[in-house]
PDB file of N, CA and C in Angstrom:
ATOM      1  N   MET A   1     -23.629 -14.615 -38.130  1.00  0.00           N
ATOM      2  CA  MET A   1     -23.798 -15.908 -37.385  1.00  0.00           C
ATOM      3  C   MET A   1     -24.764 -15.835 -36.412  1.00  0.00           C
ATOM      4  N   ALA A   2     -25.822 -16.737 -36.491  1.00  0.00           N
ATOM      5  CA  ALA A   2     -26.680 -16.919 -35.306  1.00  0.00           C
ATOM      6  C   ALA A   2     -26.747 -18.240 -34.521  1.00  0.00           C
ATOM      7  N   ASP A   3     -27.062 -18.407 -33.374  1.00  0.00           N
ATOM      8  CA  ASP A   3     -27.094 -19.504 -32.733  1.00  0.00           C
ATOM      9  C   ASP A   3     -28.387 -20.414 -32.784  1.00  0.00           C
ATOM     10  N   LEU A   4     -28.440 -21.476 -33.078  1.00  0.00           N
ATOM     11  CA  LEU A   4     -29.834 -22.396 -32.890  1.00  0.00           C
ATOM     12  C   LEU A   4     -29.530 -23.504 -32.151  1.00  0.00           C
ATOM     13  N   ASN A   5     -29.963 -23.653 -31.056  1.00  0.00           N
ATOM     14  CA  ASN A   5     -29.628 -24.738 -30.104  1.00  0.00           C
ATOM     15  C   ASN A   5     -27.857 -25.120 -30.263  1.00  0.00           C
ATOM     16  N   ASP A   6     -27.434 -25.934 -30.458  1.00  0.00           N
ATOM     17  CA  ASP A   6     -25.997 -26.332 -30.523  1.00  0.00           C
ATOM     18  C   ASP A   6     -25.324 -26.229 -31.868  1.00  0.00           C
ATOM     19  N   TYR A   7     -26.200 -25.360 -32.609  1.00  0.00           N
ATOM     20  CA  TYR A   7     -25.610 -25.072 -33.979  1.00  0.00           C
ATOM     21  C   TYR A   7     -25.480 -23.654 -34.175  1.00  0.00           C
ATOM     22  N   GLU A   8     -24.495 -23.357 -35.296  1.00  0.00           N
ATOM     23  CA  GLU A   8     -24.440 -22.214 -35.720  1.00  0.00           C
ATOM     24  C   GLU A   8     -25.028 -22.021 -37.380  1.00  0.00           C
ATOM     25  N   VAL A   9     -25.691 -20.730 -37.379  1.00  0.00           N
ATOM     26  CA  VAL A   9     -26.513 -20.582 -38.736  1.00  0.00           C
ATOM     27  C   VAL A   9     -25.333 -19.481 -39.088  1.00  0.00           C
ATOM     28  N   LYS A  10     -24.641 -19.716 -40.476  1.00  0.00           N
ATOM     29  CA  LYS A  10     -23.808 -18.816 -40.969  1.00  0.00           C
ATOM     30  C   LYS A  10     -24.031 -18.422 -42.280  1.00  0.00           C
ATOM     31  N   LEU A  11     -23.979 -17.046 -42.359  1.00  0.00           N
ATOM     32  CA  LEU A  11     -24.143 -16.396 -43.828  1.00  0.00           C
ATOM     33  C   LEU A  11     -22.788 -16.255 -44.225  1.00  0.00           C
ATOM     34  N   ALA A  12     -22.474 -16.266 -45.701  1.00  0.00           N
ATOM     35  CA  ALA A  12     -21.229 -16.038 -46.047  1.00  0.00           C
ATOM     36  C   ALA A  12     -21.386 -15.684 -47.620  1.00  0.00           C
ATOM     37  N   LYS A  13     -20.366 -14.854 -47.969  1.00  0.00           N
ATOM     38  CA  LYS A  13     -20.378 -14.507 -49.547  1.00  0.00           C
ATOM     39  C   LYS A  13     -19.036 -14.939 -49.817  1.00  0.00           C
ATOM     40  N   LEU A  14     -19.007 -15.836 -51.095  1.00  0.00           N
ATOM     41  CA  LEU A  14     -17.823 -16.255 -51.555  1.00  0.00           C
ATOM     42  C   LEU A  14     -17.378 -16.115 -52.760  1.00  0.00           C
ATOM     43  N   LYS A  15     -16.259 -16.001 -53.199  1.00  0.00           N
ATOM     44  CA  LYS A  15     -15.749 -15.657 -54.776  1.00  0.00           C
ATOM     45  C   LYS A  15     -14.515 -16.256 -54.988  1.00  0.00           C
ATOM     46  N   GLY A  16     -14.340 -17.282 -56.012  1.00  0.00           N
ATOM     47  CA  GLY A  16     -13.075 -17.752 -56.062  1.00  0.00           C
ATOM     48  C   GLY A  16     -13.072 -19.240 -55.449  1.00  0.00           C
ATOM     49  N   GLU A  17     -11.757 -20.030 -55.498  1.00  0.00           N
ATOM     50  CA  GLU A  17     -11.645 -21.019 -54.725  1.00  0.00           C
ATOM     51  C   GLU A  17     -11.360 -21.289 -53.386  1.00  0.00           C
ATOM     52  N   PHE A  18     -11.880 -21.926 -52.604  1.00  0.00           N
ATOM     53  CA  PHE A  18     -11.718 -21.954 -51.087  1.00  0.00           C
ATOM     54  C   PHE A  18     -10.531 -23.053 -50.865  1.00  0.00           C
ATOM     55  N   VAL A  19     -10.692 -23.857 -49.908  1.00  0.00           N
ATOM     56  CA  VAL A  19      -9.395 -24.797 -49.638  1.00  0.00           C
ATOM     57  C   VAL A  19      -9.969 -26.154 -49.382  1.00  0.00           C
ATOM     58  N   TRP A  20      -9.309 -27.175 -49.980  1.00  0.00           N
ATOM     59  CA  TRP A  20      -9.680 -28.322 -49.914  1.00  0.00           C
ATOM     60  C   TRP A  20      -9.328 -28.692 -48.316  1.00  0.00           C
ATOM     61  N   HIS A  21     -10.549 -29.183 -47.722  1.00  0.00           N
ATOM     62  CA  HIS A  21     -10.775 -29.592 -46.323  1.00  0.00           C
ATOM     63  C   HIS A  21     -11.589 -30.629 -45.692  1.00  0.00           C
ATOM     64  N   THR A  22     -11.599 -31.228 -44.894  1.00  0.00           N
ATOM     65  CA  THR A  22     -12.718 -32.003 -44.322  1.00  0.00           C
ATOM     66  C   THR A  22     -13.217 -31.816 -42.734  1.00  0.00           C
ATOM     67  N   HIS A  23     -14.260 -31.994 -42.540  1.00  0.00           N
ATOM     68  CA  HIS A  23     -14.815 -32.069 -41.015  1.00  0.00           C
ATOM     69  C   HIS A  23     -14.982 -33.455 -40.594  1.00  0.00           C
ATOM     70  N   ASP A  24     -14.078 -34.028 -39.675  1.00  0.00           N
ATOM     71  CA  ASP A  24     -13.947 -35.308 -39.492  1.00  0.00           C
ATOM     72  C   ASP A  24     -15.165 -35.775 -38.460  1.00  0.00           C
ATOM     73  N   ASP A  25     -15.795 -34.567 -37.755  1.00  0.00           N
ATOM     74  CA  ASP A  25     -16.936 -34.870 -36.917  1.00  0.00           C
ATOM     75  C   ASP A  25     -18.163 -34.442 -37.126  1.00  0.00           C
ATOM     76  N   THR A  26     -18.376 -33.986 -38.348  1.00  0.00           N
ATOM     77  CA  THR A  26     -19.629 -33.176 -38.480  1.00  0.00           C
ATOM     78  C   THR A  26     -20.059 -33.219 -40.115  1.00  0.00           C
ATOM     79  N   ASP A  27     -21.216 -33.378 -40.342  1.00  0.00           N
ATOM     80  CA  ASP A  27     -21.797 -32.797 -41.586  1.00  0.00           C
ATOM     81  C   ASP A  27     -21.737 -31.441 -41.782  1.00  0.00           C
ATOM     82  N   GLU A  28     -21.857 -31.171 -43.230  1.00  0.00           N
ATOM     83  CA  GLU A  28     -21.868 -29.483 -43.441  1.00  0.00           C
ATOM     84  C   GLU A  28     -22.881 -29.279 -44.460  1.00  0.00           C
ATOM     85  N   LEU A  29     -23.730 -28.441 -44.200  1.00  0.00           N
ATOM     86  CA  LEU A  29     -25.096 -28.213 -45.159  1.00  0.00           C
ATOM     87  C   LEU A  29     -24.739 -26.767 -45.716  1.00  0.00           C
ATOM     88  N   PHE A  30     -24.585 -26.729 -46.960  1.00  0.00           N
ATOM     89  CA  PHE A  30     -24.760 -25.499 -47.843  1.00  0.00           C
ATOM     90  C   PHE A  30     -26.007 -25.228 -48.596  1.00  0.00           C
ATOM     91  N   LEU A  31     -26.454 -24.008 -48.235  1.00  0.00           N
ATOM     92  CA  LEU A  31     -27.597 -23.659 -49.119  1.00  0.00           C
ATOM     93  C   LEU A  31     -27.338 -22.286 -49.820  1.00  0.00           C
ATOM     94  N   VAL A  32     -27.748 -22.342 -51.102  1.00  0.00           N
ATOM     95  CA  VAL A  32     -27.181 -21.163 -52.025  1.00  0.00           C
ATOM     96  C   VAL A  32     -28.348 -20.154 -51.826  1.00  0.00           C
ATOM     97  N   ILE A  33     -28.021 -18.790 -51.588  1.00  0.00           N
ATOM     98  CA  ILE A  33     -29.030 -18.010 -51.671  1.00  0.00           C
ATOM     99  C   ILE A  33     -28.890 -17.333 -52.937  1.00  0.00           C
ATOM    100  N   SER A  34     -27.748 -17.006 -53.411  1.00  0.00           N
ATOM    101  CA  SER A  34     -27.796 -16.227 -54.684  1.00  0.00           C
ATOM    102  C   SER A  34     -26.353 -16.504 -55.063  1.00  0.00           C
ATOM    103  N   GLY A  35     -26.297 -16.398 -56.795  1.00  0.00           N
ATOM    104  CA  GLY A  35     -25.218 -16.910 -57.248  1.00  0.00           C
ATOM    105  C   GLY A  35     -25.049 -18.368 -57.651  1.00  0.00           C
ATOM    106  N   ARG A  36     -23.906 -18.923 -57.758  1.00  0.00           N
ATOM    107  CA  ARG A  36     -23.719 -20.413 -58.119  1.00  0.00           C
ATOM    108  C   ARG A  36     -22.542 -20.943 -57.430  1.00  0.00           C
ATOM    109  N   LEU A  37     -22.632 -22.064 -56.803  1.00  0.00           N
ATOM    110  CA  LEU A  37     -21.678 -22.830 -55.959  1.00  0.00           C
ATOM    111  C   LEU A  37     -21.391 -23.964 -56.409  1.00  0.00           C
ATOM    112  N   THR A  38     -20.105 -24.167 -56.723  1.00  0.00           N
ATOM    113  CA  THR A  38     -19.572 -25.492 -57.129  1.00  0.00           C
ATOM    114  C   THR A  38     -18.944 -26.218 -55.885  1.00  0.00           C
ATOM    115  N   ILE A  39     -19.281 -27.358 -55.051  1.00  0.00           N
ATOM    116  CA  ILE A  39     -18.687 -28.061 -54.202  1.00  0.00           C
ATOM    117  C   ILE A  39     -17.797 -29.062 -54.864  1.00  0.00           C
ATOM    118  N   GLN A  40     -16.467 -29.036 -55.162  1.00  0.00           N
ATOM    119  CA  GLN A  40     -15.702 -30.125 -55.589  1.00  0.00           C
ATOM    120  C   GLN A  40     -15.564 -31.228 -54.384  1.00  0.00           C
ATOM    121  N   LEU A  41     -15.762 -32.505 -54.983  1.00  0.00           N
ATOM    122  CA  LEU A  41     -15.641 -33.651 -54.350  1.00  0.00           C
ATOM    123  C   LEU A  41     -14.391 -34.301 -55.077  1.00  0.00           C
ATOM    124  N   ARG A  42     -13.630 -35.219 -54.354  1.00  0.00           N
ATOM    125  CA  ARG A  42     -12.747 -36.175 -54.965  1.00  0.00           C
ATOM    126  C   ARG A  42     -13.394 -37.049 -56.177  1.00  0.00           C
ATOM    127  N   ASP A  43     -14.848 -37.562 -55.960  1.00  0.00           N
ATOM    128  CA  ASP A  43     -15.457 -37.989 -56.987  1.00  0.00           C
ATOM    129  C   ASP A  43     -16.190 -37.536 -57.746  1.00  0.00           C
ATOM    130  N   GLY A  44     -16.124 -36.242 -58.003  1.00  0.00           N
ATOM    131  CA  GLY A  44     -17.171 -35.252 -58.828  1.00  0.00           C
ATOM    132  C   GLY A  44     -17.701 -34.049 -58.198  1.00  0.00           C
ATOM    133  N   ASP A  45     -18.127 -33.143 -58.758  1.00  0.00           N
ATOM    134  CA  ASP A  45     -18.442 -31.665 -58.370  1.00  0.00           C
ATOM    135  C   ASP A  45     -20.079 -32.100 -58.436  1.00  0.00           C
ATOM    136  N   VAL A  46     -20.393 -31.073 -57.356  1.00  0.00           N
ATOM    137  CA  VAL A  46     -21.899 -30.886 -57.141  1.00  0.00           C
ATOM    138  C   VAL A  46     -22.348 -29.416 -57.445  1.00  0.00           C
ATOM    139  N   VAL A  47     -22.818 -28.724 -58.277  1.00  0.00           N
ATOM    140  CA  VAL A  47     -23.221 -27.603 -58.694  1.00  0.00           C
ATOM    141  C   VAL A  47     -24.580 -27.228 -58.073  1.00  0.00           C
ATOM    142  N   LEU A  48     -24.767 -25.912 -57.316  1.00  0.00           N
ATOM    143  CA  LEU A  48     -25.737 -25.588 -56.673  1.00  0.00           C
ATOM    144  C   LEU A  48     -26.201 -24.056 -57.410  1.00  0.00           C
ATOM    145  N   GLU A  49     -27.500 -24.113 -57.378  1.00  0.00           N
ATOM    146  CA  GLU A  49     -28.239 -22.686 -58.166  1.00  0.00           C
ATOM    147  C   GLU A  49     -28.838 -22.297 -56.898  1.00  0.00           C
ATOM    148  N   PRO A  50     -29.363 -21.022 -56.760  1.00  0.00           N
ATOM    149  CA  PRO A  50     -30.174 -20.428 -55.710  1.00  0.00           C
ATOM    150  C   PRO A  50     -31.366 -21.253 -55.259  1.00  0.00           C
ATOM    151  N   GLY A  51     -31.487 -21.430 -54.046  1.00  0.00           N
ATOM    152  CA  GLY A  51     -32.473 -22.228 -53.546  1.00  0.00           C
ATOM    153  C   GLY A  51     -32.189 -23.681 -53.358  1.00  0.00           C
ATOM    154  N   GLU A  52     -30.875 -24.084 -53.640  1.00  0.00           N
ATOM    155  CA  GLU A  52     -30.728 -25.657 -53.775  1.00  0.00           C
ATOM    156  C   GLU A  52     -29.823 -25.760 -52.618  1.00  0.00           C
ATOM    157  N   LEU A  53     -29.707 -26.999 -52.033  1.00  0.00           N
ATOM    158  CA  LEU A  53     -28.765 -27.355 -51.011  1.00  0.00           C
ATOM    159  C   LEU A  53     -27.975 -28.614 -51.165  1.00  0.00           C
ATOM    160  N   PHE A  54     -27.073 -28.828 -50.271  1.00  0.00           N
ATOM    161  CA  PHE A  54     -26.160 -30.032 -50.399  1.00  0.00           C
ATOM    162  C   PHE A  54     -25.629 -30.194 -49.246  1.00  0.00           C
ATOM    163  N   VAL A  55     -25.629 -31.394 -48.588  1.00  0.00           N
ATOM    164  CA  VAL A  55     -25.073 -31.692 -47.317  1.00  0.00           C
ATOM    165  C   VAL A  55     -23.420 -32.420 -47.589  1.00  0.00           C
ATOM    166  N   VAL A  56     -22.622 -31.942 -47.255  1.00  0.00           N
ATOM    167  CA  VAL A  56     -21.217 -32.814 -47.277  1.00  0.00           C
ATOM    168  C   VAL A  56     -20.971 -33.685 -46.335  1.00  0.00           C
ATOM    169  N   PRO A  57     -21.137 -35.042 -46.181  1.00  0.00           N
ATOM    170  CA  PRO A  57     -21.073 -35.818 -45.196  1.00  0.00           C
ATOM    171  C   PRO A  57     -19.784 -35.669 -44.478  1.00  0.00           C
ATOM    172  N   ARG A  58     -19.950 -36.105 -43.051  1.00  0.00           N
ATOM    173  CA  ARG A  58     -18.424 -35.867 -42.303  1.00  0.00           C
ATOM    174  C   ARG A  58     -17.500 -36.894 -42.696  1.00  0.00           C
ATOM    175  N   GLY A  59     -16.276 -36.204 -42.900  1.00  0.00           N
ATOM    176  CA  GLY A  59     -15.064 -37.049 -43.445  1.00  0.00           C
ATOM    177  C   GLY A  59     -14.860 -36.697 -44.833  1.00  0.00           C
ATOM    178  N   VAL A  60     -15.774 -36.245 -45.618  1.00  0.00           N
ATOM    179  CA  VAL A  60     -15.675 -36.047 -47.258  1.00  0.00           C
ATOM    180  C   VAL A  60     -14.937 -35.055 -47.346  1.00  0.00           C
ATOM    181  N   GLU A  61     -13.763 -34.874 -47.958  1.00  0.00           N
ATOM    182  CA  GLU A  61     -13.118 -33.979 -48.443  1.00  0.00           C
ATOM    183  C   GLU A  61     -13.619 -32.928 -49.478  1.00  0.00           C
ATOM    184  N   HIS A  62     -13.600 -31.840 -49.364  1.00  0.00           N
ATOM    185  CA  HIS A  62     -14.491 -30.923 -50.312  1.00  0.00           C
ATOM    186  C   HIS A  62     -13.661 -29.483 -50.503  1.00  0.00           C
ATOM    187  N   CYS A  63     -14.216 -28.732 -51.540  1.00  0.00           N
ATOM    188  CA  CYS A  63     -13.529 -27.478 -51.959  1.00  0.00           C
ATOM    189  C   CYS A  63     -14.632 -26.772 -52.696  1.00  0.00           C
ATOM    190  N   PRO A  64     -15.412 -25.752 -51.791  1.00  0.00           N
ATOM    191  CA  PRO A  64     -16.115 -24.889 -52.256  1.00  0.00           C
ATOM    192  C   PRO A  64     -15.596 -23.889 -53.354  1.00  0.00           C
ATOM    193  N   VAL A  65     -16.246 -23.578 -54.644  1.00  0.00           N
ATOM    194  CA  VAL A  65     -15.695 -22.586 -55.696  1.00  0.00           C
ATOM    195  C   VAL A  65     -16.959 -21.896 -56.093  1.00  0.00           C
ATOM    196  N   ALA A  66     -16.557 -20.595 -56.128  1.00  0.00           N
ATOM    197  CA  ALA A  66     -17.712 -19.663 -56.568  1.00  0.00           C
ATOM    198  C   ALA A  66     -17.093 -18.917 -57.706  1.00  0.00           C
ATOM    199  N   ASP A  67     -17.524 -19.043 -59.185  1.00  0.00           N
ATOM    200  CA  ASP A  67     -17.097 -18.165 -59.938  1.00  0.00           C
ATOM    201  C   ASP A  67     -17.276 -16.861 -60.309  1.00  0.00           C
ATOM    202  N   GLU A  68     -18.675 -16.588 -59.292  1.00  0.00           N
ATOM    203  CA  GLU A  68     -19.171 -15.215 -59.161  1.00  0.00           C
ATOM    204  C   GLU A  68     -19.464 -14.931 -57.860  1.00  0.00           C
ATOM    205  N   GLU A  69     -19.758 -13.755 -57.317  1.00  0.00           N
ATOM    206  CA  GLU A  69     -20.051 -13.655 -55.962  1.00  0.00           C
ATOM    207  C   GLU A  69     -21.289 -14.507 -55.588  1.00  0.00           C
ATOM    208  N   THR A  70     -21.126 -15.172 -54.560  1.00  0.00           N
ATOM    209  CA  THR A  70     -22.234 -16.247 -54.123  1.00  0.00           C
ATOM    210  C   THR A  70     -22.536 -16.104 -52.581  1.00  0.00           C
ATOM    211  N   ALA A  71     -23.690 -15.957 -52.497  1.00  0.00           N
ATOM    212  CA  ALA A  71     -24.153 -15.970 -51.020  1.00  0.00           C
ATOM    213  C   ALA A  71     -24.521 -17.280 -50.329  1.00  0.00           C
ATOM    214  N   ILE A  72     -24.123 -17.617 -49.268  1.00  0.00           N
ATOM    215  CA  ILE A  72     -24.610 -18.908 -48.935  1.00  0.00           C
ATOM    216  C   ILE A  72     -24.955 -19.100 -47.442  1.00  0.00           C
ATOM    217  N   LEU A  73     -25.635 -19.847 -47.186  1.00  0.00           N
ATOM    218  CA  LEU A  73     -26.023 -20.203 -45.873  1.00  0.00           C
ATOM    219  C   LEU A  73     -25.621 -21.420 -45.371  1.00  0.00           C
ATOM    220  N   LEU A  74     -24.812 -21.623 -44.213  1.00  0.00           N
ATOM    221  CA  LEU A  74     -24.348 -22.974 -43.743  1.00  0.00           C
ATOM    222  C   LEU A  74     -24.882 -23.330 -42.311  1.00  0.00           C
ATOM    223  N   LEU A  75     -24.860 -24.395 -42.056  1.00  0.00           N
ATOM    224  CA  LEU A  75     -25.474 -24.842 -40.857  1.00  0.00           C
ATOM    225  C   LEU A  75     -24.497 -25.957 -40.397  1.00  0.00           C
ATOM    226  N   GLU A  76     -23.765 -25.583 -39.088  1.00  0.00           N
ATOM    227  CA  GLU A  76     -22.856 -26.623 -38.509  1.00  0.00           C
ATOM    228  C   GLU A  76     -22.960 -26.552 -37.051  1.00  0.00           C
ATOM    229  N   PRO A  77     -22.279 -27.735 -36.488  1.00  0.00           N
ATOM    230  CA  PRO A  77     -22.249 -27.458 -34.827  1.00  0.00           C
ATOM    231  C   PRO A  77     -21.624 -26.360 -34.486  1.00  0.00           C
ATOM    232  N   ALA A  78     -21.796 -25.673 -33.366  1.00  0.00           N
ATOM    233  CA  ALA A  78     -21.245 -24.414 -32.868  1.00  0.00           C
ATOM    234  C   ALA A  78     -19.732 -24.798 -32.510  1.00  0.00           C
ATOM    235  N   GLY A  79     -18.900 -23.966 -33.225  1.00  0.00           N
ATOM    236  CA  GLY A  79     -17.448 -24.102 -32.934  1.00  0.00           C
ATOM    237  C   GLY A  79     -16.736 -24.813 -34.280  1.00  0.00           C
ATOM    238  N   THR A  80     -17.557 -25.076 -35.331  1.00  0.00           N
ATOM    239  CA  THR A  80     -16.825 -25.673 -36.342  1.00  0.00           C
ATOM    240  C   THR A  80     -16.078 -24.744 -37.112  1.00  0.00           C
ATOM    241  N   LEU A  81     -14.790 -25.010 -37.454  1.00  0.00           N
ATOM    242  CA  LEU A  81     -13.803 -24.011 -38.208  1.00  0.00           C
ATOM    243  C   LEU A  81     -14.286 -24.280 -39.464  1.00  0.00           C
ATOM    244  N   ASN A  82     -14.246 -22.941 -40.247  1.00  0.00           N
ATOM    245  CA  ASN A  82     -14.555 -22.772 -41.742  1.00  0.00           C
ATOM    246  C   ASN A  82     -13.582 -23.802 -42.448  1.00  0.00           C
ATOM    247  N   THR A  83     -12.461 -23.943 -42.253  1.00  0.00           N
ATOM    248  CA  THR A  83     -11.673 -24.607 -42.954  1.00  0.00           C
ATOM    249  C   THR A  83     -11.181 -25.936 -42.341  1.00  0.00           C
ATOM    250  N   GLY A  84     -12.057 -26.422 -41.452  1.00  0.00           N
ATOM    251  CA  GLY A  84     -11.909 -27.831 -41.049  1.00  0.00           C
ATOM    252  C   GLY A  84     -10.567 -28.248 -40.566  1.00  0.00           C
ATOM    253  N   ASP A  85      -9.915 -29.249 -41.213  1.00  0.00           N
ATOM    254  CA  ASP A  85      -8.649 -29.883 -40.831  1.00  0.00           C
ATOM    255  C   ASP A  85      -7.608 -29.453 -41.493  1.00  0.00           C
ATOM    256  N   ALA A  86      -7.817 -28.246 -42.379  1.00  0.00           N
ATOM    257  CA  ALA A  86      -6.758 -27.285 -43.094  1.00  0.00           C
ATOM    258  C   ALA A  86      -6.605 -25.826 -42.547  1.00  0.00           C
ATOM    259  N   GLU A  87      -6.513 -25.828 -41.339  1.00  0.00           N
ATOM    260  CA  GLU A  87      -6.204 -24.470 -40.593  1.00  0.00           C
ATOM    261  C   GLU A  87      -5.151 -23.706 -41.338  1.00  0.00           C
ATOM    262  N   GLY A  88      -5.432 -22.485 -41.483  1.00  0.00           N
ATOM    263  CA  GLY A  88      -4.502 -21.528 -42.021  1.00  0.00           C
ATOM    264  C   GLY A  88      -4.968 -20.174 -42.218  1.00  0.00           C
ATOM    265  N   PRO A  89      -4.360 -19.420 -42.874  1.00  0.00           N
ATOM    266  CA  PRO A  89      -4.703 -17.986 -43.310  1.00  0.00           C
ATOM    267  C   PRO A  89      -6.148 -17.790 -43.363  1.00  0.00           C
ATOM    268  N   ARG A  90      -6.794 -18.733 -44.203  1.00  0.00           N
ATOM    269  CA  ARG A  90      -8.382 -18.539 -44.455  1.00  0.00           C
ATOM    270  C   ARG A  90      -9.342 -18.948 -43.228  1.00  0.00           C
ATOM    271  N   THR A  91      -8.791 -19.523 -42.234  1.00  0.00           N
ATOM    272  CA  THR A  91      -9.691 -19.860 -41.045  1.00  0.00           C
ATOM    273  C   THR A  91     -10.045 -18.429 -40.487  1.00  0.00           C
ATOM    274  N   LYS A  92     -11.347 -18.333 -40.243  1.00  0.00           N
ATOM    275  CA  LYS A  92     -11.838 -17.190 -39.832  1.00  0.00           C
ATOM    276  C   LYS A  92     -12.855 -17.808 -38.501  1.00  0.00           C
ATOM    277  N   ALA A  93     -13.013 -16.757 -37.619  1.00  0.00           N
ATOM    278  CA  ALA A  93     -14.054 -16.994 -36.623  1.00  0.00           C
ATOM    279  C   ALA A  93     -15.335 -16.545 -37.005  1.00  0.00           C
ATOM    280  N   ALA A  94     -16.496 -17.039 -36.567  1.00  0.00           N
ATOM    281  CA  ALA A  94     -17.817 -16.541 -36.913  1.00  0.00           C
ATOM    282  C   ALA A  94     -18.017 -15.457 -36.195  1.00  0.00           C
ATOM    283  N   GLU A  95     -18.756 -14.498 -36.784  1.00  0.00           N
ATOM    284  CA  GLU A  95     -19.156 -13.289 -36.097  1.00  0.00           C
ATOM    285  C   GLU A  95     -20.637 -13.073 -35.872  1.00  0.00           C
ATOM    286  N   THR A  96     -21.096 -12.691 -34.707  1.00  0.00           N
ATOM    287  CA  THR A  96     -22.470 -12.783 -34.312  1.00  0.00           C
ATOM    288  C   THR A  96     -23.179 -11.655 -35.303  1.00  0.00           C
ATOM    289  N   LEU A  97     -24.433 -12.111 -35.528  1.00  0.00           N
ATOM    290  CA  LEU A  97     -25.107 -10.703 -36.078  1.00  0.00           C
ATOM    291  C   LEU A  97     -25.871  -9.900 -35.136  1.00  0.00           C
ATOM    292  N   ASN A  98     -25.964  -8.889 -35.352  1.00  0.00           N
ATOM    293  CA  ASN A  98     -26.704  -8.023 -34.191  1.00  0.00           C
ATOM    294  C   ASN A  98     -27.933  -7.525 -34.846  1.00  0.00           C
TER     295      ASN A  98
END
């Protein structure tokens, strides 16, 4: 994670299905670095290949799914929980890159 003004730039690797959640106060930007990411939405899926991005609007329930190991970049306001309103065992604090 790196700080950019009042935002956090987060790098993550995903594999499998995450949790359905929302971020009531912020949009969430996903940029695929490698692999393939499906962002499940209640009204249809968005499939992203490397170099593609999608912004989940605030308040929209979503669930990221990666069938293979997928590297992504997230851009969110500082302090945004990765699991949004669905806090639980998969909630993780961002770690600063050295």
